[in-house]
C-alpha atoms as a PDB file:
ATOM      1  CA  UNK A   1      -0.040  -0.029  -0.166  1.00  0.00           C
ATOM      2  CA  UNK A   2       1.371   3.462  -1.269  1.00  0.00           C
ATOM      3  CA  UNK A   3       0.622   4.968   2.169  1.00  0.00           C
ATOM      4  CA  UNK A   4       1.842   6.601   5.646  1.00  0.00           C
ATOM      5  CA  UNK A   5       0.639   5.025   8.998  1.00  0.00           C
ATOM      6  CA  UNK A   6       0.377   6.819  11.881  1.00  0.00           C
ATOM      7  CA  UNK A   7      -1.075   5.173  15.204  1.00  0.00           C
ATOM      8  CA  UNK A   8      -1.563   7.109  18.217  1.00  0.00           C
ATOM      9  CA  UNK A   9      -0.829   4.956  21.139  1.00  0.00           C
ATOM     10  CA  UNK A  10       0.421   5.304  24.596  1.00  0.00           C
ATOM     11  CA  UNK A  11      -1.586   8.315  25.262  1.00  0.00           C
ATOM     12  CA  UNK A  12      -5.205   6.704  25.954  1.00  0.00           C
ATOM     13  CA  UNK A  13      -6.748   4.331  28.388  1.00  0.00           C
ATOM     14  CA  UNK A  14      -6.163   0.388  27.609  1.00  0.00           C
ATOM     15  CA  UNK A  15      -9.875   0.256  26.934  1.00  0.00           C
ATOM     16  CA  UNK A  16     -10.027   3.293  24.967  1.00  0.00           C
ATOM     17  CA  UNK A  17     -12.378   3.619  21.667  1.00  0.00           C
ATOM     18  CA  UNK A  18     -10.966   3.497  18.345  1.00  0.00           C
ATOM     19  CA  UNK A  19     -11.606   5.533  15.367  1.00  0.00           C
ATOM     20  CA  UNK A  20      -9.520   4.591  11.937  1.00  0.00           C
ATOM     21  CA  UNK A  21      -9.451   7.616   9.570  1.00  0.00           C
ATOM     22  CA  UNK A  22      -7.980   7.530   5.920  1.00  0.00           C
ATOM     23  CA  UNK A  23      -6.973  10.862   4.481  1.00  0.00           C
ATOM     24  CA  UNK A  24      -5.039  12.424   1.617  1.00  0.00           C
ATOM     25  CA  UNK A  25      -1.345  13.203   2.345  1.00  0.00           C
ATOM     26  CA  UNK A  26      -1.925  17.511   1.869  1.00  0.00           C
ATOM     27  CA  UNK A  27      -3.423  16.647   4.918  1.00  0.00           C
ATOM     28  CA  UNK A  28      -0.586  14.992   6.833  1.00  0.00           C
ATOM     29  CA  UNK A  29       0.312  17.877   9.258  1.00  0.00           C
ATOM     30  CA  UNK A  30      -3.185  19.492   9.349  1.00  0.00           C
ATOM     31  CA  UNK A  31      -5.071  16.170  10.683  1.00  0.00           C
ATOM     32  CA  UNK A  32      -3.291  15.192  13.017  1.00  0.00           C
ATOM     33  CA  UNK A  33      -3.118  19.180  14.762  1.00  0.00           C
ATOM     34  CA  UNK A  34      -6.859  18.713  14.423  1.00  0.00           C
ATOM     35  CA  UNK A  35      -6.776  15.190  15.892  1.00  0.00           C
ATOM     36  CA  UNK A  36      -4.978  16.308  19.080  1.00  0.00           C
ATOM     37  CA  UNK A  37      -7.582  19.381  19.676  1.00  0.00           C
ATOM     38  CA  UNK A  38     -10.200  16.638  19.234  1.00  0.00           C
ATOM     39  CA  UNK A  39      -8.502  14.034  21.785  1.00  0.00           C
ATOM     40  CA  UNK A  40      -7.694  16.971  24.422  1.00  0.00           C
ATOM     41  CA  UNK A  41     -11.772  17.119  24.451  1.00  0.00           C
ATOM     42  CA  UNK A  42     -12.538  13.480  23.951  1.00  0.00           C
ATOM     43  CA  UNK A  43      -9.524  11.435  26.065  1.00  0.00           C
ATOM     44  CA  UNK A  44     -11.423   8.539  25.953  1.00  0.00           C
ATOM     45  CA  UNK A  45     -10.765   7.983  22.125  1.00  0.00           C
ATOM     46  CA  UNK A  46      -7.531   7.090  19.929  1.00  0.00           C
ATOM     47  CA  UNK A  47      -7.234   8.214  16.482  1.00  0.00           C
ATOM     48  CA  UNK A  48      -5.300   6.012  14.027  1.00  0.00           C
ATOM     49  CA  UNK A  49      -4.788   7.677  10.326  1.00  0.00           C
ATOM     50  CA  UNK A  50      -3.532   6.179   7.178  1.00  0.00           C
ATOM     51  CA  UNK A  51      -2.241   8.628   4.805  1.00  0.00           C
ATOM     52  CA  UNK A  52      -2.043   7.968   0.599  1.00  0.00           C
ATOM     53  CA  UNK A  53      -3.323   9.324  -2.452  1.00  0.00           C
ATOM     54  CA  UNK A  54      -7.039   9.734  -2.984  1.00  0.00           C
ATOM     55  CA  UNK A  55      -7.425   7.924  -5.763  1.00  0.00           C
ATOM     56  CA  UNK A  56      -5.673   4.727  -4.240  1.00  0.00           C
ATOM     57  CA  UNK A  57      -7.142   5.229  -1.108  1.00  0.00           C
ATOM     58  CA  UNK A  58     -10.920   4.936  -2.946  1.00  0.00           C
ATOM     59  CA  UNK A  59      -9.681   1.587  -4.681  1.00  0.00           C
ATOM     60  CA  UNK A  60      -8.356   0.200  -1.448  1.00  0.00           C
ATOM     61  CA  UNK A  61     -11.613   1.286   0.381  1.00  0.00           C
ATOM     62  CA  UNK A  62     -13.431  -0.310  -2.245  1.00  0.00           C
ATOM     63  CA  UNK A  63     -11.535  -3.481  -1.880  1.00  0.00           C
ATOM     64  CA  UNK A  64     -12.267  -3.717   1.727  1.00  0.00           C
ATOM     65  CA  UNK A  65      -9.715  -1.471   3.733  1.00  0.00           C
ATOM     66  CA  UNK A  66     -11.352  -1.255   6.720  1.00  0.00           C
ATOM     67  CA  UNK A  67     -11.592   2.931   7.906  1.00  0.00           C
ATOM     68  CA  UNK A  68     -15.055   4.678  10.059  1.00  0.00           C
ATOM     69  CA  UNK A  69     -13.690   7.943   8.077  1.00  0.00           C
ATOM     70  CA  UNK A  70     -12.107   8.815   4.665  1.00  0.00           C
ATOM     71  CA  UNK A  71     -10.809  12.395   3.842  1.00  0.00           C
ATOM     72  CA  UNK A  72     -10.474  12.954   0.120  1.00  0.00           C
ATOM     73  CA  UNK A  73      -8.419  16.211  -1.457  1.00  0.00           C
ATOM     74  CA  UNK A  74     -11.281  15.624  -4.338  1.00  0.00           C
ATOM     75  CA  UNK A  75     -15.056  15.274  -3.984  1.00  0.00           C
ATOM     76  CA  UNK A  76     -15.517  12.338  -6.643  1.00  0.00           C
ATOM     77  CA  UNK A  77     -14.430   9.667  -4.889  1.00  0.00           C
ATOM     78  CA  UNK A  78     -16.168   9.997  -1.379  1.00  0.00           C
ATOM     79  CA  UNK A  79     -19.571  10.381  -3.748  1.00  0.00           C
ATOM     80  CA  UNK A  80     -18.429   6.905  -5.796  1.00  0.00           C
ATOM     81  CA  UNK A  81     -18.292   5.002  -2.219  1.00  0.00           C
ATOM     82  CA  UNK A  82     -21.552   6.362  -1.387  1.00  0.00           C
ATOM     83  CA  UNK A  83     -23.207   5.448  -4.643  1.00  0.00           C
ATOM     84  CA  UNK A  84     -21.366   2.007  -4.401  1.00  0.00           C
ATOM     85  CA  UNK A  85     -23.296   1.612  -1.044  1.00  0.00           C
ATOM     86  CA  UNK A  86     -19.871   1.579   0.811  1.00  0.00           C
ATOM     87  CA  UNK A  87     -20.238   4.613   2.752  1.00  0.00           C
ATOM     88  CA  UNK A  88     -23.343   5.816   5.631  1.00  0.00           C
ATOM     89  CA  UNK A  89     -26.137   7.746   3.055  1.00  0.00           C
ATOM     90  CA  UNK A  90     -26.016  11.543   3.900  1.00  0.00           C
ATOM     91  CA  UNK A  91     -22.667  12.080   5.524  1.00  0.00           C
ATOM     92  CA  UNK A  92     -20.600  13.232   2.484  1.00  0.00           C
ATOM     93  CA  UNK A  93     -19.664  16.746   3.286  1.00  0.00           C
ATOM     94  CA  UNK A  94     -17.128  19.453   1.826  1.00  0.00           C
ATOM     95  CA  UNK A  95     -14.458  20.300   4.449  1.00  0.00           C
ATOM     96  CA  UNK A  96     -12.178  22.538   2.672  1.00  0.00           C
ATOM     97  CA  UNK A  97     -11.085  23.974  -0.696  1.00  0.00           C
ATOM     98  CA  UNK A  98      -7.661  22.881  -1.288  1.00  0.00           C
ATOM     99  CA  UNK A  99      -4.732  25.349  -2.650  1.00  0.00           C
ATOM    100  CA  UNK A 100      -2.129  24.540  -4.993  1.00  0.00           C
ATOM    101  CA  UNK A 101       1.398  26.295  -4.725  1.00  0.00           C
ATOM    102  CA  UNK A 102       4.724  26.268  -6.859  1.00  0.00           C
ATOM    103  CA  UNK A 103       7.406  26.022  -4.477  1.00  0.00           C
ATOM    104  CA  UNK A 104      10.948  27.050  -5.700  1.00  0.00           C
ATOM    105  CA  UNK A 105      14.085  26.333  -3.922  1.00  0.00           C
ATOM    106  CA  UNK A 106      15.449  29.161  -1.953  1.00  0.00           C
ATOM    107  CA  UNK A 107      19.421  28.840  -3.675  1.00  0.00           C
ATOM    108  CA  UNK A 108      17.780  29.548  -6.947  1.00  0.00           C
ATOM    109  CA  UNK A 109      16.959  32.813  -6.400  1.00  0.00           C
ATOM    110  CA  UNK A 110      14.346  33.347  -8.431  1.00  0.00           C
ATOM    111  CA  UNK A 111      10.982  35.255  -8.413  1.00  0.00           C
ATOM    112  CA  UNK A 112       7.946  33.135  -7.260  1.00  0.00           C
ATOM    113  CA  UNK A 113       5.951  32.643 -10.113  1.00  0.00           C
ATOM    114  CA  UNK A 114       4.860  30.329 -13.115  1.00  0.00           C
ATOM    115  CA  UNK A 115       7.162  32.380 -15.393  1.00  0.00           C
ATOM    116  CA  UNK A 116       9.720  30.687 -13.188  1.00  0.00           C
ATOM    117  CA  UNK A 117       9.504  27.315 -14.444  1.00  0.00           C
ATOM    118  CA  UNK A 118      11.116  28.847 -18.126  1.00  0.00           C
ATOM    119  CA  UNK A 119      14.378  29.567 -16.421  1.00  0.00           C
ATOM    120  CA  UNK A 120      16.887  27.276 -18.071  1.00  0.00           C
ATOM    121  CA  UNK A 121      17.657  25.573 -14.252  1.00  0.00           C
ATOM    122  CA  UNK A 122      14.512  24.254 -13.896  1.00  0.00           C
ATOM    123  CA  UNK A 123      14.666  20.734 -15.818  1.00  0.00           C
ATOM    124  CA  UNK A 124      12.308  19.035 -13.333  1.00  0.00           C
ATOM    125  CA  UNK A 125       9.264  19.512 -11.978  1.00  0.00           C
ATOM    126  CA  UNK A 126       7.719  17.337  -9.027  1.00  0.00           C
ATOM    127  CA  UNK A 127       3.906  16.466  -8.996  1.00  0.00           C
ATOM    128  CA  UNK A 128       1.727  14.501  -7.601  1.00  0.00           C
ATOM    129  CA  UNK A 129       0.723  11.278 -10.358  1.00  0.00           C
ATOM    130  CA  UNK A 130      -2.254  12.669 -11.755  1.00  0.00           C
ATOM    131  CA  UNK A 131      -3.900   9.412 -12.805  1.00  0.00           C
ATOM    132  CA  UNK A 132      -4.916   9.335  -8.932  1.00  0.00           C
ATOM    133  CA  UNK A 133      -3.986  12.261  -6.930  1.00  0.00           C
ATOM    134  CA  UNK A 134      -6.250  15.162  -7.617  1.00  0.00           C
ATOM    135  CA  UNK A 135      -3.255  17.789  -6.784  1.00  0.00           C
ATOM    136  CA  UNK A 136      -1.474  16.341  -9.586  1.00  0.00           C
ATOM    137  CA  UNK A 137      -4.548  16.815 -11.779  1.00  0.00           C
ATOM    138  CA  UNK A 138      -4.817  20.699 -10.668  1.00  0.00           C
ATOM    139  CA  UNK A 139      -1.131  21.077 -11.182  1.00  0.00           C
ATOM    140  CA  UNK A 140      -1.925  19.798 -15.127  1.00  0.00           C
ATOM    141  CA  UNK A 141      -4.748  22.237 -15.207  1.00  0.00           C
ATOM    142  CA  UNK A 142      -2.883  25.259 -13.922  1.00  0.00           C
ATOM    143  CA  UNK A 143      -0.059  24.668 -16.372  1.00  0.00           C
ATOM    144  CA  UNK A 144      -2.463  23.971 -19.250  1.00  0.00           C
ATOM    145  CA  UNK A 145      -4.367  27.101 -18.210  1.00  0.00           C
ATOM    146  CA  UNK A 146      -0.977  29.475 -18.237  1.00  0.00           C
ATOM    147  CA  UNK A 147      -0.301  28.249 -21.727  1.00  0.00           C
ATOM    148  CA  UNK A 148       2.290  26.337 -20.400  1.00  0.00           C
ATOM    149  CA  UNK A 149       0.770  22.956 -21.229  1.00  0.00           C
ATOM    150  CA  UNK A 150      -1.005  22.306 -24.590  1.00  0.00           C
ATOM    151  CA  UNK A 151      -3.044  19.205 -25.665  1.00  0.00           C
ATOM    152  CA  UNK A 152      -2.034  16.790 -28.329  1.00  0.00           C
ATOM    153  CA  UNK A 153      -4.327  16.503 -31.101  1.00  0.00           C
ATOM    154  CA  UNK A 154      -2.630  13.316 -31.513  1.00  0.00           C
ATOM    155  CA  UNK A 155      -3.322  11.667 -28.084  1.00  0.00           C
ATOM    156  CA  UNK A 156      -4.134   8.659 -27.414  1.00  0.00           C
ATOM    157  CA  UNK A 157      -7.636   9.366 -26.380  1.00  0.00           C
ATOM    158  CA  UNK A 158     -10.186  10.237 -29.363  1.00  0.00           C
ATOM    159  CA  UNK A 159     -11.662  13.529 -28.876  1.00  0.00           C
ATOM    160  CA  UNK A 160      -8.750  14.406 -25.874  1.00  0.00           C
ATOM    161  CA  UNK A 161      -8.285  17.775 -26.885  1.00  0.00           C
ATOM    162  CA  UNK A 162     -11.824  19.274 -26.529  1.00  0.00           C
ATOM    163  CA  UNK A 163     -12.998  17.550 -23.236  1.00  0.00           C
ATOM    164  CA  UNK A 164     -13.133  20.152 -20.235  1.00  0.00           C
ATOM    165  CA  UNK A 165     -10.930  19.909 -17.442  1.00  0.00           C
ATOM    166  CA  UNK A 166     -13.998  18.056 -15.554  1.00  0.00           C
ATOM    167  CA  UNK A 167     -14.457  15.465 -17.739  1.00  0.00           C
ATOM    168  CA  UNK A 168     -10.749  14.369 -18.437  1.00  0.00           C
ATOM    169  CA  UNK A 169     -10.574  10.301 -17.762  1.00  0.00           C
ATOM    170  CA  UNK A 170      -7.750  10.812 -15.435  1.00  0.00           C
ATOM    171  CA  UNK A 171      -7.395   7.199 -14.488  1.00  0.00           C
ATOM    172  CA  UNK A 172      -6.495   6.389 -17.884  1.00  0.00           C
ATOM    173  CA  UNK A 173      -3.944   8.647 -18.897  1.00  0.00           C
ATOM    174  CA  UNK A 174      -1.133   5.996 -17.778  1.00  0.00           C
ATOM    175  CA  UNK A 175       1.545   7.140 -20.370  1.00  0.00           C
ATOM    176  CA  UNK A 176       2.691  10.169 -18.834  1.00  0.00           C
ATOM    177  CA  UNK A 177       1.871  13.904 -18.831  1.00  0.00           C
ATOM    178  CA  UNK A 178       3.657  14.217 -22.626  1.00  0.00           C
ATOM    179  CA  UNK A 179       1.648  11.836 -24.194  1.00  0.00           C
ATOM    180  CA  UNK A 180      -1.319  13.892 -23.936  1.00  0.00           C
ATOM    181  CA  UNK A 181       0.258  17.705 -23.527  1.00  0.00           C
ATOM    182  CA  UNK A 182       3.067  19.224 -25.280  1.00  0.00           C
ATOM    183  CA  UNK A 183       5.312  21.043 -22.777  1.00  0.00           C
ATOM    184  CA  UNK A 184       7.135  22.667 -25.871  1.00  0.00           C
ATOM    185  CA  UNK A 185       6.877  25.969 -23.642  1.00  0.00           C
ATOM    186  CA  UNK A 186       8.911  24.478 -20.550  1.00  0.00           C
ATOM    187  CA  UNK A 187      11.270  22.732 -22.645  1.00  0.00           C
ATOM    188  CA  UNK A 188      12.120  26.256 -24.865  1.00  0.00           C
ATOM    189  CA  UNK A 189      16.133  26.828 -24.160  1.00  0.00           C
ATOM    190  CA  UNK A 190      16.912  23.810 -22.191  1.00  0.00           C
ATOM    191  CA  UNK A 191      18.823  20.918 -22.740  1.00  0.00           C
ATOM    192  CA  UNK A 192      15.429  19.001 -21.478  1.00  0.00           C
ATOM    193  CA  UNK A 193      12.868  19.237 -19.206  1.00  0.00           C
ATOM    194  CA  UNK A 194      10.950  16.352 -17.742  1.00  0.00           C
ATOM    195  CA  UNK A 195       8.181  15.577 -14.912  1.00  0.00           C
ATOM    196  CA  UNK A 196       8.765  13.460 -11.746  1.00  0.00           C
ATOM    197  CA  UNK A 197       6.177  12.501 -10.365  1.00  0.00           C
ATOM    198  CA  UNK A 198       5.163  11.361  -6.507  1.00  0.00           C
ATOM    199  CA  UNK A 199       2.425   8.866  -6.024  1.00  0.00           C
ATOM    200  CA  UNK A 200       0.807  11.102  -3.787  1.00  0.00           C
ATOM    201  CA  UNK A 201       1.114  15.033  -3.125  1.00  0.00           C
ATOM    202  CA  UNK A 202       3.513  14.609  -0.048  1.00  0.00           C
ATOM    203  CA  UNK A 203       6.080  12.047  -1.939  1.00  0.00           C
ATOM    204  CA  UNK A 204       6.056  15.412  -4.530  1.00  0.00           C
ATOM    205  CA  UNK A 205       7.022  17.325  -1.991  1.00  0.00           C
ATOM    206  CA  UNK A 206       9.929  15.398  -0.732  1.00  0.00           C
ATOM    207  CA  UNK A 207      10.988  15.103  -4.577  1.00  0.00           C
ATOM    208  CA  UNK A 208      10.958  18.496  -4.462  1.00  0.00           C
ATOM    209  CA  UNK A 209      12.757  19.169  -1.759  1.00  0.00           C
ATOM    210  CA  UNK A 210      15.532  16.776  -2.405  1.00  0.00           C
ATOM    211  CA  UNK A 211      16.130  16.832  -6.124  1.00  0.00           C
ATOM    212  CA  UNK A 212      13.991  19.085  -8.783  1.00  0.00           C
ATOM    213  CA  UNK A 213      14.205  21.946  -6.770  1.00  0.00           C
ATOM    214  CA  UNK A 214      10.359  22.507  -8.305  1.00  0.00           C
ATOM    215  CA  UNK A 215       7.125  21.461  -7.537  1.00  0.00           C
ATOM    216  CA  UNK A 216       3.467  21.948  -7.564  1.00  0.00           C
ATOM    217  CA  UNK A 217       2.398  21.022  -4.515  1.00  0.00           C
ATOM    218  CA  UNK A 218      -0.472  21.472  -1.996  1.00  0.00           C
ATOM    219  CA  UNK A 219      -0.213  25.203  -0.168  1.00  0.00           C
ATOM    220  CA  UNK A 220      -0.764  22.862   3.208  1.00  0.00           C
ATOM    221  CA  UNK A 221       2.618  21.405   2.370  1.00  0.00           C
ATOM    222  CA  UNK A 222       4.635  24.058   1.279  1.00  0.00           C
ATOM    223  CA  UNK A 223       3.769  26.141   4.870  1.00  0.00           C
ATOM    224  CA  UNK A 224       5.631  23.271   6.325  1.00  0.00           C
ATOM    225  CA  UNK A 225       8.853  24.002   8.002  1.00  0.00           C
ATOM    226  CA  UNK A 226      11.149  21.890   5.637  1.00  0.00           C
ATOM    227  CA  UNK A 227       9.929  23.366   2.912  1.00  0.00           C
ATOM    228  CA  UNK A 228       9.002  26.728   4.046  1.00  0.00           C
ATOM    229  CA  UNK A 229      12.302  27.435   5.155  1.00  0.00           C
ATOM    230  CA  UNK A 230      14.233  26.037   2.254  1.00  0.00           C
ATOM    231  CA  UNK A 231      11.979  27.572  -0.713  1.00  0.00           C
ATOM    232  CA  UNK A 232       9.710  30.520  -1.663  1.00  0.00           C
ATOM    233  CA  UNK A 233       6.168  29.881  -2.989  1.00  0.00           C
ATOM    234  CA  UNK A 234       3.369  31.180  -5.212  1.00  0.00           C
ATOM    235  CA  UNK A 235      -0.164  30.204  -4.857  1.00  0.00           C
ATOM    236  CA  UNK A 236      -2.232  29.875  -7.734  1.00  0.00           C
ATOM    237  CA  UNK A 237      -5.311  31.639  -7.459  1.00  0.00           C
ATOM    238  CA  UNK A 238      -8.972  30.494  -7.359  1.00  0.00           C
ATOM    239  CA  UNK A 239     -10.047  29.111 -10.594  1.00  0.00           C
ATOM    240  CA  UNK A 240      -6.983  28.533 -12.147  1.00  0.00           C
ATOM    241  CA  UNK A 241      -6.771  24.649 -12.126  1.00  0.00           C
ATOM    242  CA  UNK A 242      -9.284  22.094 -11.506  1.00  0.00           C
ATOM    243  CA  UNK A 243     -10.933  22.523  -8.145  1.00  0.00           C
ATOM    244  CA  UNK A 244      -9.903  20.776  -5.529  1.00  0.00           C
ATOM    245  CA  UNK A 245     -12.977  20.592  -3.523  1.00  0.00           C
ATOM    246  CA  UNK A 246     -12.099  18.282  -0.651  1.00  0.00           C
ATOM    247  CA  UNK A 247     -14.582  16.343   1.167  1.00  0.00           C
ATOM    248  CA  UNK A 248     -15.399  13.566   3.944  1.00  0.00           C
ATOM    249  CA  UNK A 249     -17.730  10.835   4.914  1.00  0.00           C
ATOM    250  CA  UNK A 250     -18.063   8.319   7.343  1.00  0.00           C
ATOM    251  CA  UNK A 251     -17.970   4.597   5.977  1.00  0.00           C
ATOM    252  CA  UNK A 252     -19.121   3.135   8.716  1.00  0.00           C
ATOM    253  CA  UNK A 253     -19.976   3.911  12.355  1.00  0.00           C
ATOM    254  CA  UNK A 254     -22.636   6.205  12.244  1.00  0.00           C
ATOM    255  CA  UNK A 255     -24.066   4.829  15.559  1.00  0.00           C
ATOM    256  CA  UNK A 256     -20.592   5.075  16.710  1.00  0.00           C
ATOM    257  CA  UNK A 257     -20.656   8.346  18.978  1.00  0.00           C
ATOM    258  CA  UNK A 258     -16.949   8.398  18.891  1.00  0.00           C
ATOM    259  CA  UNK A 259     -16.964   8.089  15.060  1.00  0.00           C
ATOM    260  CA  UNK A 260     -19.666  11.045  14.709  1.00  0.00           C
ATOM    261  CA  UNK A 261     -17.786  13.382  17.375  1.00  0.00           C
ATOM    262  CA  UNK A 262     -14.509  13.024  15.059  1.00  0.00           C
ATOM    263  CA  UNK A 263     -16.985  13.858  11.994  1.00  0.00           C
ATOM    264  CA  UNK A 264     -18.662  16.696  13.909  1.00  0.00           C
ATOM    265  CA  UNK A 265     -15.455  18.336  15.276  1.00  0.00           C
ATOM    266  CA  UNK A 266     -13.659  18.663  12.089  1.00  0.00           C
ATOM    267  CA  UNK A 267     -16.170  21.479  10.848  1.00  0.00           C
ATOM    268  CA  UNK A 268     -16.556  22.787  14.217  1.00  0.00           C
ATOM    269  CA  UNK A 269     -15.333  26.087  14.494  1.00  0.00           C
ATOM    270  CA  UNK A 270     -12.115  24.983  16.352  1.00  0.00           C
ATOM    271  CA  UNK A 271     -11.564  22.476  13.512  1.00  0.00           C
ATOM    272  CA  UNK A 272     -12.141  24.747  10.724  1.00  0.00           C
ATOM    273  CA  UNK A 273      -9.760  27.335  12.672  1.00  0.00           C
ATOM    274  CA  UNK A 274      -7.049  24.588  12.073  1.00  0.00           C
ATOM    275  CA  UNK A 275      -7.823  23.771   8.423  1.00  0.00           C
ATOM    276  CA  UNK A 276      -7.399  27.634   7.791  1.00  0.00           C
ATOM    277  CA  UNK A 277      -4.422  28.142   9.502  1.00  0.00           C
ATOM    278  CA  UNK A 278      -3.233  25.361   7.399  1.00  0.00           C
ATOM    279  CA  UNK A 279      -3.831  26.659   4.128  1.00  0.00           C
ATOM    280  CA  UNK A 280      -7.096  25.584   3.295  1.00  0.00           C
ATOM    281  CA  UNK A 281      -9.889  27.754   2.159  1.00  0.00           C
ATOM    282  CA  UNK A 282     -13.341  26.964   3.841  1.00  0.00           C
ATOM    283  CA  UNK A 283     -16.321  26.176   1.755  1.00  0.00           C
ATOM    284  CA  UNK A 284     -18.639  28.996   1.831  1.00  0.00           C
ATOM    285  CA  UNK A 285     -16.446  31.522   3.497  1.00  0.00           C
END
């Protein structure tokens, strides 16, 4: 499983009630903070967190991965689980709007912005794999929106060039970005240019930090100390890419008070405050 498992143990009574959560990796710092705040009010509840790309988590949940709550970076996947009868009806709820940010290594001395990607020193760009990661899809549509990628007329999917963003069959784009988009503007004046894919947006952030020196990442990760200290960033404006409408749903346990307590806490004033401080927008605000 391409996922990170965090288990909160040793802080609770032996008979603590347990809630198992699977979540998109843009929440890997935010959700633990939210859980700590929740646990301060509910000391008898132990919360286990598993992180991975939304698409892969959806596949694993559909195949029987046990969990009580699912937090996705895209509303599509919780909705599909609900349609398949694998989620509690009526519990799907938007909790945030994700923000996409371009991160650049501070040592490059570049002004933050998409124009920086034309610099000859930027020959690799880290993104989450758009086949199954919403932030990767947002990255591709952002580059297309600003003319840095152009759809290929000869892409191996009929009518691909005329499809709107929301209708693109992302799961079928397994040939890599350059089989479907022309990266000519990103390659101009350079010996080469390639996309480097992370299994999820957190993995893409690691790749940017470790080697590519540039990445289109979740703002919630860019604001964390390791990336904030070593880089500069530009935040994509709303509407400039495929929307990151992040939703969560109760998979099972609607009758369990501990599950519903965490479910409600996420959109409480305290929970929403944590999300906003972490770089997310709140739906309706």
